Amino acid sequence: MKKISAILAALVILSFAGCASSGGSGGGDSGPAFSVDLGTVKVATWTRSTKKFTEPEAGVKNTIPLGTQYDGALFVFDDLPDVKSYARVTIKAKYFDADGVEIEQGDGKAMVVMFINVNGDLEGPEMGAGKNTPLKEFNLGGFSGDASTAKGSRIFLKENPGGLLIQCSTASVKFIELTEVTFHA
């Protein structure tokens, strides 16, 4: 009986150690989160067909309506402290139609790309992260995306991010408002 108890105790300890080392959904928080001060963010309207954007201005919502599917709102981070040690990021946004009516969150509304250099490739590879784009997630705000959840999306940053490109996945989204960017340890 004592052997069985010892074996069960060892298995319980190993299972907790496995979750902690694999980055599983264990309950511990390894440090404080950092939320980007949205008052320091600049926004521009990005056009996919030309790969160009308007002059960034203070704000968290594009003022020029998005023209077509996959155009986007470009959010530039100024004076961001060193966040390279963070392992996850939560990104939240709201979407609006041409009349300014908020569109319900869900899959197929918008996607997000985190970029390093605003003058580099802002979309990255078709699927997944790239050299200038450490995070690319489809369905921001949808049930199949992680970035807008409290858990956030996993990131590995070699350099500080320069900002976010949030692209409309449907032509009905004309305005995008950034509401939260939080880095988690």
N, C-alpha and C. Protein backbone atom coordinates (compact mmCIF):
# COMPACT_ATOMS: atom_id res chain seq x y z
N MET A 1 0.83 -1.19 0.00
CA MET A 1 0.00 0.00 0.00
C MET A 1 0.87 1.25 0.00
N LYS A 2 1.97 1.22 0.79
CA LYS A 2 2.86 2.37 0.84
C LYS A 2 3.52 2.60 -0.51
N LYS A 3 3.85 1.52 -1.24
CA LYS A 3 4.48 1.66 -2.55
C LYS A 3 3.53 2.34 -3.53
N ILE A 4 2.27 1.94 -3.50
CA ILE A 4 1.28 2.54 -4.40
C ILE A 4 1.12 4.03 -4.08
N SER A 5 1.07 4.38 -2.81
CA SER A 5 0.95 5.79 -2.41
C SER A 5 2.16 6.58 -2.87
N ALA A 6 3.36 6.01 -2.72
CA ALA A 6 4.58 6.69 -3.14
C ALA A 6 4.60 6.88 -4.65
N ILE A 7 4.16 5.88 -5.40
CA ILE A 7 4.12 5.98 -6.87
C ILE A 7 3.11 7.04 -7.30
N LEU A 8 1.94 7.03 -6.68
CA LEU A 8 0.93 8.04 -7.02
C LEU A 8 1.41 9.44 -6.69
N ALA A 9 2.07 9.60 -5.55
CA ALA A 9 2.61 10.91 -5.18
C ALA A 9 3.66 11.37 -6.20
N ALA A 10 4.52 10.45 -6.63
CA ALA A 10 5.55 10.79 -7.62
C ALA A 10 4.91 11.19 -8.95
N LEU A 11 3.86 10.48 -9.36
CA LEU A 11 3.17 10.82 -10.61
C LEU A 11 2.52 12.20 -10.54
N VAL A 12 1.94 12.52 -9.41
CA VAL A 12 1.31 13.84 -9.24
C VAL A 12 2.38 14.93 -9.34
N ILE A 13 3.50 14.75 -8.69
CA ILE A 13 4.58 15.74 -8.72
C ILE A 13 5.10 15.88 -10.15
N LEU A 14 5.32 14.77 -10.84
CA LEU A 14 5.81 14.82 -12.21
C LEU A 14 4.82 15.50 -13.15
N SER A 15 3.54 15.27 -12.94
CA SER A 15 2.55 15.90 -13.82
C SER A 15 2.55 17.41 -13.65
N PHE A 16 2.71 17.90 -12.41
CA PHE A 16 2.78 19.35 -12.20
C PHE A 16 4.07 19.91 -12.78
N ALA A 17 5.17 19.20 -12.63
CA ALA A 17 6.44 19.66 -13.18
C ALA A 17 6.37 19.70 -14.70
N GLY A 18 5.71 18.75 -15.31
CA GLY A 18 5.55 18.74 -16.76
C GLY A 18 4.77 19.93 -17.26
N CYS A 19 3.70 20.30 -16.57
CA CYS A 19 2.91 21.47 -16.98
C CYS A 19 3.72 22.74 -16.84
N ALA A 20 4.48 22.86 -15.77
CA ALA A 20 5.24 24.08 -15.55
C ALA A 20 6.33 24.23 -16.60
N SER A 21 7.02 23.15 -16.96
CA SER A 21 8.12 23.27 -17.90
C SER A 21 7.66 23.39 -19.33
N SER A 22 6.49 22.95 -19.66
CA SER A 22 6.02 23.01 -21.04
C SER A 22 5.25 24.28 -21.34
N GLY A 23 5.08 25.14 -20.36
CA GLY A 23 4.32 26.36 -20.58
C GLY A 23 2.83 26.08 -20.64
N GLY A 24 2.42 24.99 -20.02
CA GLY A 24 1.01 24.62 -20.00
C GLY A 24 0.17 25.64 -19.28
N SER A 25 -1.06 25.33 -19.08
CA SER A 25 -1.96 26.31 -18.49
C SER A 25 -1.95 26.27 -16.97
N GLY A 26 -0.76 26.06 -16.40
CA GLY A 26 -0.64 26.04 -14.95
C GLY A 26 -1.11 27.35 -14.35
N GLY A 27 -1.39 27.36 -13.08
CA GLY A 27 -2.00 28.50 -12.44
C GLY A 27 -1.06 29.63 -12.08
N GLY A 28 0.26 29.41 -12.07
CA GLY A 28 1.18 30.43 -11.60
C GLY A 28 1.42 31.53 -12.60
N ASP A 29 1.63 32.75 -12.10
CA ASP A 29 1.98 33.89 -12.92
C ASP A 29 3.42 34.23 -12.59
N SER A 30 4.28 34.27 -13.60
CA SER A 30 5.70 34.44 -13.34
C SER A 30 6.15 35.89 -13.30
N GLY A 31 5.25 36.83 -13.26
CA GLY A 31 5.63 38.22 -13.15
C GLY A 31 4.49 39.14 -13.56
N PRO A 32 4.70 40.44 -13.36
CA PRO A 32 3.63 41.39 -13.68
C PRO A 32 3.45 41.56 -15.19
N ALA A 33 2.24 41.85 -15.57
CA ALA A 33 1.94 42.13 -16.98
C ALA A 33 2.27 43.59 -17.26
N PHE A 34 2.44 43.91 -18.53
CA PHE A 34 2.67 45.29 -18.94
C PHE A 34 1.62 45.67 -19.99
N SER A 35 0.85 46.71 -19.69
CA SER A 35 -0.16 47.20 -20.64
C SER A 35 0.37 48.44 -21.34
N VAL A 36 0.26 48.44 -22.65
CA VAL A 36 0.69 49.59 -23.44
C VAL A 36 -0.23 50.77 -23.14
N ASP A 37 0.35 51.92 -22.89
CA ASP A 37 -0.40 53.15 -22.68
C ASP A 37 -0.95 53.58 -24.04
N LEU A 38 -2.25 53.40 -24.25
CA LEU A 38 -2.84 53.68 -25.54
C LEU A 38 -2.78 55.17 -25.89
N GLY A 39 -2.53 56.01 -24.91
CA GLY A 39 -2.36 57.44 -25.16
C GLY A 39 -1.09 57.77 -25.93
N THR A 40 -0.16 56.82 -26.00
CA THR A 40 1.10 57.03 -26.72
C THR A 40 1.08 56.42 -28.12
N VAL A 41 0.00 55.75 -28.48
CA VAL A 41 -0.10 55.04 -29.76
C VAL A 41 -0.46 56.01 -30.88
N LYS A 42 0.10 55.75 -32.05
CA LYS A 42 -0.27 56.49 -33.26
C LYS A 42 -0.95 55.52 -34.20
N VAL A 43 -1.86 56.04 -35.04
CA VAL A 43 -2.61 55.20 -35.96
C VAL A 43 -2.50 55.76 -37.38
N ALA A 44 -2.48 54.86 -38.35
CA ALA A 44 -2.48 55.21 -39.77
C ALA A 44 -3.39 54.23 -40.48
N THR A 45 -3.82 54.59 -41.68
CA THR A 45 -4.60 53.68 -42.50
C THR A 45 -3.66 53.05 -43.52
N TRP A 46 -3.66 51.72 -43.59
CA TRP A 46 -2.76 50.97 -44.47
C TRP A 46 -3.57 50.37 -45.61
N THR A 47 -3.06 50.53 -46.84
CA THR A 47 -3.72 49.98 -48.02
C THR A 47 -2.91 48.81 -48.55
N ARG A 48 -3.53 47.66 -48.62
CA ARG A 48 -2.81 46.44 -49.00
C ARG A 48 -2.32 46.49 -50.44
N SER A 49 -3.12 47.01 -51.37
CA SER A 49 -2.74 46.98 -52.79
C SER A 49 -1.46 47.77 -53.05
N THR A 50 -1.21 48.83 -52.30
CA THR A 50 -0.01 49.64 -52.50
C THR A 50 1.07 49.37 -51.44
N LYS A 51 0.68 48.68 -50.36
CA LYS A 51 1.58 48.43 -49.22
C LYS A 51 2.07 49.74 -48.61
N LYS A 52 1.23 50.76 -48.66
CA LYS A 52 1.57 52.08 -48.11
C LYS A 52 0.56 52.47 -47.05
N PHE A 53 0.97 53.40 -46.19
CA PHE A 53 0.08 53.87 -45.14
C PHE A 53 0.15 55.40 -45.04
N THR A 54 -0.91 55.96 -44.48
CA THR A 54 -0.98 57.40 -44.28
C THR A 54 -0.01 57.79 -43.17
N GLU A 55 0.21 59.06 -43.01
CA GLU A 55 1.08 59.56 -41.93
C GLU A 55 0.44 59.21 -40.58
N PRO A 56 1.17 58.49 -39.71
CA PRO A 56 0.60 58.15 -38.40
C PRO A 56 0.28 59.40 -37.58
N GLU A 57 -0.87 59.36 -36.90
CA GLU A 57 -1.28 60.46 -36.03
C GLU A 57 -1.73 59.88 -34.70
N ALA A 58 -1.74 60.70 -33.67
CA ALA A 58 -2.14 60.24 -32.35
C ALA A 58 -3.56 59.68 -32.41
N GLY A 59 -3.76 58.52 -31.78
CA GLY A 59 -5.09 57.93 -31.74
C GLY A 59 -5.05 56.43 -31.75
N VAL A 60 -6.21 55.82 -31.51
CA VAL A 60 -6.33 54.37 -31.47
C VAL A 60 -7.42 53.86 -32.43
N LYS A 61 -7.90 54.73 -33.33
CA LYS A 61 -8.93 54.33 -34.30
C LYS A 61 -8.65 55.04 -35.61
N ASN A 62 -8.64 54.27 -36.71
CA ASN A 62 -8.40 54.91 -38.00
C ASN A 62 -9.51 55.89 -38.33
N THR A 63 -9.15 57.00 -38.95
CA THR A 63 -10.13 58.04 -39.30
C THR A 63 -10.54 57.98 -40.76
N ILE A 64 -9.75 57.28 -41.57
CA ILE A 64 -10.07 57.07 -42.98
C ILE A 64 -10.66 55.67 -43.11
N PRO A 65 -11.87 55.53 -43.68
CA PRO A 65 -12.46 54.18 -43.79
C PRO A 65 -11.58 53.24 -44.61
N LEU A 66 -11.53 51.99 -44.20
CA LEU A 66 -10.79 50.98 -44.95
C LEU A 66 -11.49 50.74 -46.27
N GLY A 67 -10.71 50.67 -47.34
CA GLY A 67 -11.30 50.59 -48.67
C GLY A 67 -11.80 49.21 -49.06
N THR A 68 -11.04 48.20 -48.74
CA THR A 68 -11.37 46.85 -49.20
C THR A 68 -10.83 45.80 -48.23
N GLN A 69 -11.23 44.56 -48.45
CA GLN A 69 -10.77 43.46 -47.61
C GLN A 69 -9.24 43.43 -47.54
N TYR A 70 -8.72 43.24 -46.36
CA TYR A 70 -7.30 43.15 -46.01
C TYR A 70 -6.58 44.49 -45.96
N ASP A 71 -7.29 45.61 -46.16
CA ASP A 71 -6.71 46.89 -45.78
C ASP A 71 -6.71 46.89 -44.26
N GLY A 72 -6.01 47.84 -43.65
CA GLY A 72 -5.95 47.77 -42.20
C GLY A 72 -5.63 49.07 -41.51
N ALA A 73 -5.75 49.01 -40.19
CA ALA A 73 -5.34 50.10 -39.32
C ALA A 73 -3.96 49.74 -38.77
N LEU A 74 -3.03 50.65 -38.94
CA LEU A 74 -1.65 50.45 -38.51
C LEU A 74 -1.45 51.22 -37.21
N PHE A 75 -1.11 50.50 -36.14
CA PHE A 75 -0.90 51.11 -34.84
C PHE A 75 0.59 51.09 -34.52
N VAL A 76 1.16 52.27 -34.31
CA VAL A 76 2.59 52.41 -34.08
C VAL A 76 2.84 52.69 -32.60
N PHE A 77 3.77 51.91 -32.02
CA PHE A 77 4.15 52.10 -30.62
C PHE A 77 5.35 53.04 -30.55
N ASP A 78 5.22 54.13 -29.81
CA ASP A 78 6.34 55.03 -29.56
C ASP A 78 6.79 54.86 -28.12
N ASP A 79 8.08 54.87 -27.91
CA ASP A 79 8.66 54.81 -26.56
C ASP A 79 8.20 53.61 -25.75
N LEU A 80 8.10 52.45 -26.39
CA LEU A 80 7.73 51.22 -25.70
C LEU A 80 8.95 50.74 -24.90
N PRO A 81 8.79 50.42 -23.62
CA PRO A 81 9.93 49.88 -22.87
C PRO A 81 10.30 48.49 -23.40
N ASP A 82 11.38 47.95 -22.92
CA ASP A 82 11.83 46.63 -23.36
C ASP A 82 10.81 45.57 -22.94
N VAL A 83 10.17 44.93 -23.92
CA VAL A 83 9.18 43.89 -23.65
C VAL A 83 9.62 42.53 -24.21
N LYS A 84 10.90 42.41 -24.57
CA LYS A 84 11.38 41.17 -25.19
C LYS A 84 11.29 39.96 -24.28
N SER A 85 11.25 40.16 -22.98
CA SER A 85 11.20 39.02 -22.06
C SER A 85 9.79 38.46 -21.88
N TYR A 86 8.78 39.13 -22.40
CA TYR A 86 7.41 38.66 -22.24
C TYR A 86 7.12 37.51 -23.21
N ALA A 87 6.30 36.56 -22.75
CA ALA A 87 6.05 35.34 -23.52
C ALA A 87 4.68 35.31 -24.20
N ARG A 88 3.78 36.20 -23.80
CA ARG A 88 2.43 36.21 -24.38
C ARG A 88 1.95 37.65 -24.52
N VAL A 89 0.97 37.84 -25.40
CA VAL A 89 0.38 39.15 -25.58
C VAL A 89 -1.13 39.02 -25.79
N THR A 90 -1.87 39.91 -25.15
CA THR A 90 -3.32 40.01 -25.35
C THR A 90 -3.56 41.29 -26.15
N ILE A 91 -4.34 41.16 -27.22
CA ILE A 91 -4.66 42.29 -28.09
C ILE A 91 -6.17 42.31 -28.27
N LYS A 92 -6.77 43.45 -27.98
CA LYS A 92 -8.22 43.57 -28.15
C LYS A 92 -8.52 44.80 -29.00
N ALA A 93 -9.56 44.67 -29.81
CA ALA A 93 -9.97 45.77 -30.68
C ALA A 93 -11.47 45.70 -30.90
N LYS A 94 -12.03 46.80 -31.37
CA LYS A 94 -13.44 46.86 -31.76
C LYS A 94 -13.48 47.18 -33.25
N TYR A 95 -14.53 46.71 -33.92
CA TYR A 95 -14.68 46.92 -35.35
C TYR A 95 -15.99 47.64 -35.62
N PHE A 96 -15.96 48.53 -36.62
CA PHE A 96 -17.13 49.34 -36.93
C PHE A 96 -17.39 49.34 -38.43
N ASP A 97 -18.66 49.45 -38.81
CA ASP A 97 -19.02 49.54 -40.23
C ASP A 97 -18.91 50.99 -40.70
N ALA A 98 -19.29 51.25 -41.93
CA ALA A 98 -19.17 52.58 -42.53
C ALA A 98 -20.00 53.64 -41.81
N ASP A 99 -21.07 53.22 -41.14
CA ASP A 99 -21.92 54.16 -40.39
C ASP A 99 -21.48 54.34 -38.94
N GLY A 100 -20.38 53.68 -38.55
CA GLY A 100 -19.89 53.80 -37.19
C GLY A 100 -20.56 52.86 -36.21
N VAL A 101 -21.33 51.91 -36.71
CA VAL A 101 -22.01 50.93 -35.85
C VAL A 101 -21.02 49.80 -35.55
N GLU A 102 -20.90 49.46 -34.26
CA GLU A 102 -19.97 48.40 -33.87
C GLU A 102 -20.42 47.06 -34.43
N ILE A 103 -19.46 46.32 -34.94
CA ILE A 103 -19.70 44.98 -35.49
C ILE A 103 -19.36 43.95 -34.42
N GLU A 104 -20.21 42.97 -34.25
CA GLU A 104 -20.01 41.93 -33.25
C GLU A 104 -18.71 41.17 -33.53
N GLN A 105 -17.96 40.88 -32.46
CA GLN A 105 -16.73 40.11 -32.56
C GLN A 105 -17.02 38.71 -33.06
N GLY A 106 -16.09 38.14 -33.83
CA GLY A 106 -16.24 36.78 -34.30
C GLY A 106 -15.20 36.45 -35.34
N ASP A 107 -15.10 35.18 -35.67
CA ASP A 107 -14.17 34.75 -36.71
C ASP A 107 -14.54 35.43 -38.03
N GLY A 108 -13.52 35.69 -38.84
CA GLY A 108 -13.74 36.25 -40.16
C GLY A 108 -13.93 37.76 -40.18
N LYS A 109 -13.64 38.43 -39.08
CA LYS A 109 -13.80 39.90 -39.02
C LYS A 109 -12.47 40.63 -39.21
N ALA A 110 -11.43 40.19 -38.49
CA ALA A 110 -10.13 40.87 -38.55
C ALA A 110 -9.00 39.92 -38.18
N MET A 111 -7.80 40.30 -38.60
CA MET A 111 -6.59 39.56 -38.25
C MET A 111 -5.55 40.56 -37.76
N VAL A 112 -4.60 40.09 -36.98
CA VAL A 112 -3.59 40.97 -36.41
C VAL A 112 -2.19 40.46 -36.74
N VAL A 113 -1.31 41.41 -37.05
CA VAL A 113 0.10 41.12 -37.27
C VAL A 113 0.90 42.08 -36.40
N MET A 114 1.78 41.54 -35.57
CA MET A 114 2.71 42.38 -34.80
C MET A 114 3.96 42.51 -35.65
N PHE A 115 4.46 43.74 -35.79
CA PHE A 115 5.65 43.95 -36.59
C PHE A 115 6.76 44.58 -35.75
N ILE A 116 7.98 44.41 -36.24
CA ILE A 116 9.15 45.01 -35.59
C ILE A 116 9.44 46.38 -36.19
N ASN A 117 9.62 46.43 -37.51
CA ASN A 117 9.99 47.66 -38.21
C ASN A 117 8.82 48.11 -39.08
N VAL A 118 8.32 49.31 -38.84
CA VAL A 118 7.17 49.83 -39.59
C VAL A 118 7.50 49.99 -41.08
N ASN A 119 8.78 50.09 -41.42
CA ASN A 119 9.16 50.23 -42.83
C ASN A 119 9.52 48.89 -43.47
N GLY A 120 9.31 47.80 -42.75
CA GLY A 120 9.58 46.47 -43.28
C GLY A 120 8.30 45.81 -43.77
N ASP A 121 8.37 44.50 -43.97
CA ASP A 121 7.21 43.71 -44.39
C ASP A 121 6.20 43.69 -43.25
N LEU A 122 5.04 44.28 -43.47
CA LEU A 122 4.04 44.38 -42.41
C LEU A 122 3.07 43.21 -42.36
N GLU A 123 2.98 42.43 -43.41
CA GLU A 123 2.05 41.29 -43.42
C GLU A 123 2.72 39.98 -43.07
N GLY A 124 3.99 39.86 -43.32
CA GLY A 124 4.69 38.61 -43.05
C GLY A 124 4.28 37.52 -44.02
N PRO A 125 4.69 36.28 -43.74
CA PRO A 125 4.32 35.16 -44.60
C PRO A 125 2.80 34.96 -44.63
N GLU A 126 2.33 34.23 -45.62
CA GLU A 126 0.89 34.00 -45.73
C GLU A 126 0.33 33.35 -44.47
N MET A 127 1.07 32.43 -43.91
CA MET A 127 0.64 31.74 -42.70
C MET A 127 1.74 31.84 -41.65
N GLY A 128 1.41 32.34 -40.49
CA GLY A 128 2.36 32.35 -39.39
C GLY A 128 3.28 33.56 -39.34
N ALA A 129 4.21 33.49 -38.40
CA ALA A 129 5.13 34.59 -38.14
C ALA A 129 6.25 34.64 -39.17
N GLY A 130 6.91 35.79 -39.24
CA GLY A 130 8.04 35.97 -40.15
C GLY A 130 9.13 36.78 -39.48
N LYS A 131 10.16 37.13 -40.25
CA LYS A 131 11.32 37.84 -39.70
C LYS A 131 10.91 39.18 -39.07
N ASN A 132 10.07 39.95 -39.74
CA ASN A 132 9.63 41.25 -39.22
C ASN A 132 8.29 41.16 -38.50
N THR A 133 7.71 39.97 -38.49
CA THR A 133 6.36 39.80 -37.94
C THR A 133 6.32 38.63 -36.96
N PRO A 134 6.67 38.87 -35.69
CA PRO A 134 6.73 37.78 -34.71
C PRO A 134 5.37 37.20 -34.33
N LEU A 135 4.29 37.87 -34.71
CA LEU A 135 2.96 37.34 -34.42
C LEU A 135 2.05 37.62 -35.61
N LYS A 136 1.36 36.60 -36.06
CA LYS A 136 0.31 36.75 -37.06
C LYS A 136 -0.81 35.82 -36.64
N GLU A 137 -1.97 36.42 -36.36
CA GLU A 137 -3.10 35.61 -35.92
C GLU A 137 -4.35 36.03 -36.66
N PHE A 138 -5.01 35.05 -37.22
CA PHE A 138 -6.28 35.26 -37.90
C PHE A 138 -7.39 35.28 -36.85
N ASN A 139 -8.50 35.86 -37.18
CA ASN A 139 -9.70 35.84 -36.32
C ASN A 139 -9.50 36.53 -34.98
N LEU A 140 -8.91 37.72 -34.99
CA LEU A 140 -8.79 38.50 -33.78
C LEU A 140 -10.19 38.82 -33.25
N GLY A 141 -10.45 38.41 -32.03
CA GLY A 141 -11.77 38.61 -31.44
C GLY A 141 -12.72 37.47 -31.69
N GLY A 142 -12.30 36.50 -32.48
CA GLY A 142 -13.15 35.35 -32.78
C GLY A 142 -12.89 34.20 -31.83
N PHE A 143 -13.74 33.20 -31.89
CA PHE A 143 -13.62 32.08 -30.96
C PHE A 143 -12.38 31.23 -31.24
N SER A 144 -11.82 31.28 -32.46
CA SER A 144 -10.67 30.44 -32.76
C SER A 144 -9.34 31.16 -32.59
N GLY A 145 -9.35 32.41 -32.14
CA GLY A 145 -8.12 33.15 -31.91
C GLY A 145 -7.77 33.23 -30.44
N ASP A 146 -6.47 33.29 -30.14
CA ASP A 146 -6.01 33.39 -28.75
C ASP A 146 -5.65 34.82 -28.34
N ALA A 147 -5.29 35.66 -29.29
CA ALA A 147 -4.75 36.98 -28.95
C ALA A 147 -5.72 37.82 -28.12
N SER A 148 -7.01 37.69 -28.34
CA SER A 148 -7.96 38.53 -27.61
C SER A 148 -8.44 37.90 -26.31
N THR A 149 -7.86 36.77 -25.92
CA THR A 149 -8.23 36.13 -24.66
C THR A 149 -7.32 36.61 -23.54
N ALA A 150 -7.72 36.35 -22.31
CA ALA A 150 -6.89 36.73 -21.15
C ALA A 150 -5.55 36.01 -21.20
N LYS A 151 -5.53 34.80 -21.72
CA LYS A 151 -4.29 34.02 -21.84
C LYS A 151 -3.36 34.66 -22.87
N GLY A 152 -3.92 35.19 -23.95
CA GLY A 152 -3.13 35.81 -25.01
C GLY A 152 -2.46 34.80 -25.92
N SER A 153 -1.77 35.31 -26.92
CA SER A 153 -1.02 34.49 -27.87
C SER A 153 0.44 34.43 -27.46
N ARG A 154 1.04 33.28 -27.70
CA ARG A 154 2.46 33.10 -27.39
C ARG A 154 3.28 33.92 -28.38
N ILE A 155 4.32 34.60 -27.86
CA ILE A 155 5.24 35.36 -28.70
C ILE A 155 6.67 35.07 -28.27
N PHE A 156 7.59 35.24 -29.20
CA PHE A 156 9.02 35.17 -28.91
C PHE A 156 9.64 36.36 -29.61
N LEU A 157 10.04 37.35 -28.82
CA LEU A 157 10.54 38.60 -29.38
C LEU A 157 12.06 38.68 -29.26
N LYS A 158 12.72 38.86 -30.40
CA LYS A 158 14.16 39.11 -30.42
C LYS A 158 14.43 40.61 -30.40
N GLU A 159 13.42 41.37 -30.84
CA GLU A 159 13.49 42.83 -30.84
C GLU A 159 12.16 43.36 -30.33
N ASN A 160 12.16 44.60 -29.87
CA ASN A 160 10.92 45.22 -29.42
C ASN A 160 9.99 45.44 -30.61
N PRO A 161 8.70 45.20 -30.43
CA PRO A 161 7.76 45.44 -31.54
C PRO A 161 7.59 46.93 -31.80
N GLY A 162 7.38 47.25 -33.09
CA GLY A 162 7.13 48.63 -33.49
C GLY A 162 5.66 48.95 -33.52
N GLY A 163 4.82 47.90 -33.50
CA GLY A 163 3.38 48.13 -33.50
C GLY A 163 2.60 46.95 -34.03
N LEU A 164 1.36 47.24 -34.43
CA LEU A 164 0.43 46.22 -34.90
C LEU A 164 -0.24 46.67 -36.20
N LEU A 165 -0.49 45.73 -37.06
CA LEU A 165 -1.34 45.94 -38.23
C LEU A 165 -2.56 45.07 -38.01
N ILE A 166 -3.72 45.71 -37.90
CA ILE A 166 -4.96 44.94 -37.78
C ILE A 166 -5.72 45.13 -39.08
N GLN A 167 -5.86 44.03 -39.81
CA GLN A 167 -6.48 44.04 -41.13
C GLN A 167 -7.92 43.55 -41.06
N CYS A 168 -8.78 44.17 -41.84
CA CYS A 168 -10.17 43.69 -41.92
C CYS A 168 -10.19 42.45 -42.79
N SER A 169 -10.87 41.42 -42.34
CA SER A 169 -11.01 40.19 -43.09
C SER A 169 -12.28 40.17 -43.92
N THR A 170 -13.09 41.19 -43.73
CA THR A 170 -14.33 41.33 -44.48
C THR A 170 -14.48 42.80 -44.86
N ALA A 171 -15.05 43.06 -46.01
CA ALA A 171 -15.18 44.43 -46.50
C ALA A 171 -16.14 45.28 -45.65
N SER A 172 -16.94 44.65 -44.81
CA SER A 172 -17.88 45.43 -43.98
C SER A 172 -17.19 46.17 -42.85
N VAL A 173 -15.99 45.74 -42.45
CA VAL A 173 -15.24 46.44 -41.40
C VAL A 173 -14.55 47.64 -42.04
N LYS A 174 -14.88 48.84 -41.57
CA LYS A 174 -14.31 50.07 -42.12
C LYS A 174 -13.42 50.81 -41.13
N PHE A 175 -13.68 50.61 -39.84
CA PHE A 175 -12.90 51.28 -38.80
C PHE A 175 -12.52 50.25 -37.73
N ILE A 176 -11.30 50.39 -37.23
CA ILE A 176 -10.79 49.49 -36.20
C ILE A 176 -10.25 50.34 -35.06
N GLU A 177 -10.70 50.03 -33.85
CA GLU A 177 -10.26 50.75 -32.66
C GLU A 177 -9.49 49.79 -31.76
N LEU A 178 -8.26 50.11 -31.48
CA LEU A 178 -7.43 49.32 -30.57
C LEU A 178 -7.84 49.64 -29.14
N THR A 179 -8.19 48.61 -28.35
CA THR A 179 -8.65 48.85 -26.99
C THR A 179 -7.72 48.29 -25.91
N GLU A 180 -6.83 47.36 -26.26
CA GLU A 180 -5.90 46.81 -25.28
C GLU A 180 -4.74 46.11 -25.94
N VAL A 181 -3.55 46.33 -25.39
CA VAL A 181 -2.36 45.54 -25.72
C VAL A 181 -1.66 45.29 -24.38
N THR A 182 -1.62 44.03 -23.96
CA THR A 182 -1.02 43.67 -22.69
C THR A 182 -0.04 42.54 -22.91
N PHE A 183 1.18 42.76 -22.46
CA PHE A 183 2.22 41.72 -22.52
C PHE A 183 2.23 40.98 -21.19
N HIS A 184 2.33 39.64 -21.27
CA HIS A 184 2.32 38.79 -20.08
C HIS A 184 3.64 38.02 -19.98
N ALA A 185 4.11 37.88 -18.75
CA ALA A 185 5.36 37.13 -18.52
C ALA A 185 5.17 35.67 -18.80
